[in-house]
Amino acid sequence: MDTGTFRGLITLFLIIAMIGIALWAYSKRRKADFEEAANLPFADDDEQPTSDKHASLESDSEADSRKDRGDKKL
């Protein structure tokens, strides 16, 4: 098998894979899953992230410690 034949087979394989992925992505069975995934950014989260709460507590304690030392930069 020469290089041209090998490259042709690889190209054929990649074209078939591309068509397969396109058929999978646009199949009716996957539509509901993709619509759900598309609406995830709009989902209503009632819970606040805990990392922001923790970060704000640290910044408050730092400001209090600066006031105790008499630092003017807040």
C-alpha atoms as a PDB file:
ATOM      1  CA  MET A   1       0.000   0.000   0.000  1.00  0.00           C
ATOM      2  CA  ASP A   2       1.503   3.291  -1.029  1.00  0.00           C
ATOM      3  CA  THR A   3       1.135   6.682   0.683  1.00  0.00           C
ATOM      4  CA  GLY A   4      -1.643   7.909  -1.628  1.00  0.00           C
ATOM      5  CA  THR A   5      -3.846   4.891  -0.896  1.00  0.00           C
ATOM      6  CA  PHE A   6      -3.247   5.238   2.831  1.00  0.00           C
ATOM      7  CA  ARG A   7      -4.163   8.946   2.772  1.00  0.00           C
ATOM      8  CA  GLY A   8      -7.284   8.146   0.748  1.00  0.00           C
ATOM      9  CA  LEU A   9      -8.421   5.533   3.279  1.00  0.00           C
ATOM     10  CA  ILE A  10      -7.822   7.911   6.170  1.00  0.00           C
ATOM     11  CA  THR A  11      -9.804  10.628   4.365  1.00  0.00           C
ATOM     12  CA  LEU A  12     -12.660   8.189   3.703  1.00  0.00           C
ATOM     13  CA  PHE A  13     -12.671   7.146   7.361  1.00  0.00           C
ATOM     14  CA  LEU A  14     -12.781  10.778   8.532  1.00  0.00           C
ATOM     15  CA  ILE A  15     -15.645  11.624   6.150  1.00  0.00           C
ATOM     16  CA  ILE A  16     -17.654   8.652   7.432  1.00  0.00           C
ATOM     17  CA  ALA A  17     -16.927   9.677  11.039  1.00  0.00           C
ATOM     18  CA  MET A  18     -18.027  13.252  10.325  1.00  0.00           C
ATOM     19  CA  ILE A  19     -21.296  12.095   8.778  1.00  0.00           C
ATOM     20  CA  GLY A  20     -21.876   9.760  11.722  1.00  0.00           C
ATOM     21  CA  ILE A  21     -21.336  12.551  14.264  1.00  0.00           C
ATOM     22  CA  ALA A  22     -23.668  14.871  12.335  1.00  0.00           C
ATOM     23  CA  LEU A  23     -26.388  12.214  12.202  1.00  0.00           C
ATOM     24  CA  TRP A  24     -25.980  11.546  15.930  1.00  0.00           C
ATOM     25  CA  ALA A  25     -26.121  15.240  16.832  1.00  0.00           C
ATOM     26  CA  TYR A  26     -29.226  15.946  14.755  1.00  0.00           C
ATOM     27  CA  SER A  27     -31.140  12.756  15.563  1.00  0.00           C
ATOM     28  CA  LYS A  28     -34.596  13.099  17.097  1.00  0.00           C
ATOM     29  CA  ARG A  29     -33.627  10.921  20.071  1.00  0.00           C
ATOM     30  CA  ARG A  30     -30.974  13.443  21.180  1.00  0.00           C
ATOM     31  CA  LYS A  31     -33.131  16.561  20.708  1.00  0.00           C
ATOM     32  CA  ALA A  32     -34.564  16.558  24.245  1.00  0.00           C
ATOM     33  CA  ASP A  33     -31.112  16.156  25.816  1.00  0.00           C
ATOM     34  CA  PHE A  34     -29.647  18.992  23.771  1.00  0.00           C
ATOM     35  CA  GLU A  35     -32.599  21.293  24.517  1.00  0.00           C
ATOM     36  CA  GLU A  36     -32.155  20.626  28.231  1.00  0.00           C
ATOM     37  CA  ALA A  37     -28.432  21.368  27.989  1.00  0.00           C
ATOM     38  CA  ALA A  38     -29.136  24.576  26.051  1.00  0.00           C
ATOM     39  CA  ASN A  39     -31.422  25.826  28.833  1.00  0.00           C
ATOM     40  CA  LEU A  40     -28.994  25.111  31.692  1.00  0.00           C
ATOM     41  CA  PRO A  41     -27.634  28.699  31.814  1.00  0.00           C
ATOM     42  CA  PHE A  42     -31.178  29.920  32.442  1.00  0.00           C
ATOM     43  CA  ALA A  43     -31.884  27.480  35.275  1.00  0.00           C
ATOM     44  CA  ASP A  44     -32.912  29.187  38.506  1.00  0.00           C
ATOM     45  CA  ASP A  45     -30.477  28.546  41.340  1.00  0.00           C
ATOM     46  CA  ASP A  46     -31.872  29.315  44.785  1.00  0.00           C
ATOM     47  CA  GLU A  47     -28.616  28.452  46.511  1.00  0.00           C
ATOM     48  CA  GLN A  48     -25.806  31.020  46.691  1.00  0.00           C
ATOM     49  CA  PRO A  49     -22.263  29.771  46.181  1.00  0.00           C
ATOM     50  CA  THR A  50     -20.479  29.263  49.476  1.00  0.00           C
ATOM     51  CA  SER A  51     -17.132  30.465  48.168  1.00  0.00           C
ATOM     52  CA  ASP A  52     -18.398  34.062  47.790  1.00  0.00           C
ATOM     53  CA  LYS A  53     -19.770  34.054  51.337  1.00  0.00           C
ATOM     54  CA  HIS A  54     -16.457  32.789  52.680  1.00  0.00           C
ATOM     55  CA  ALA A  55     -14.479  35.352  50.668  1.00  0.00           C
ATOM     56  CA  SER A  56     -16.609  38.234  51.955  1.00  0.00           C
ATOM     57  CA  LEU A  57     -16.081  37.104  55.549  1.00  0.00           C
ATOM     58  CA  GLU A  58     -12.319  37.091  55.011  1.00  0.00           C
ATOM     59  CA  SER A  59     -12.338  40.578  53.517  1.00  0.00           C
ATOM     60  CA  ASP A  60     -14.425  41.896  56.455  1.00  0.00           C
ATOM     61  CA  SER A  61     -12.009  40.421  58.966  1.00  0.00           C
ATOM     62  CA  GLU A  62      -9.055  41.953  57.077  1.00  0.00           C
ATOM     63  CA  ALA A  63     -10.696  45.393  57.151  1.00  0.00           C
ATOM     64  CA  ASP A  64     -11.363  45.037  60.883  1.00  0.00           C
ATOM     65  CA  SER A  65      -7.750  44.105  61.529  1.00  0.00           C
ATOM     66  CA  ARG A  66      -6.590  47.166  59.564  1.00  0.00           C
ATOM     67  CA  LYS A  67      -8.822  49.400  61.659  1.00  0.00           C
ATOM     68  CA  ASP A  68      -7.349  47.905  64.817  1.00  0.00           C
ATOM     69  CA  ARG A  69      -3.805  48.665  63.606  1.00  0.00           C
ATOM     70  CA  GLY A  70      -4.738  52.177  62.552  1.00  0.00           C
ATOM     71  CA  ASP A  71      -4.023  51.667  58.846  1.00  0.00           C
ATOM     72  CA  LYS A  72      -5.623  54.316  56.666  1.00  0.00           C
ATOM     73  CA  LYS A  73      -5.868  52.162  53.527  1.00  0.00           C
ATOM     74  CA  LEU A  74      -9.160  50.299  53.466  1.00  0.00           C
END
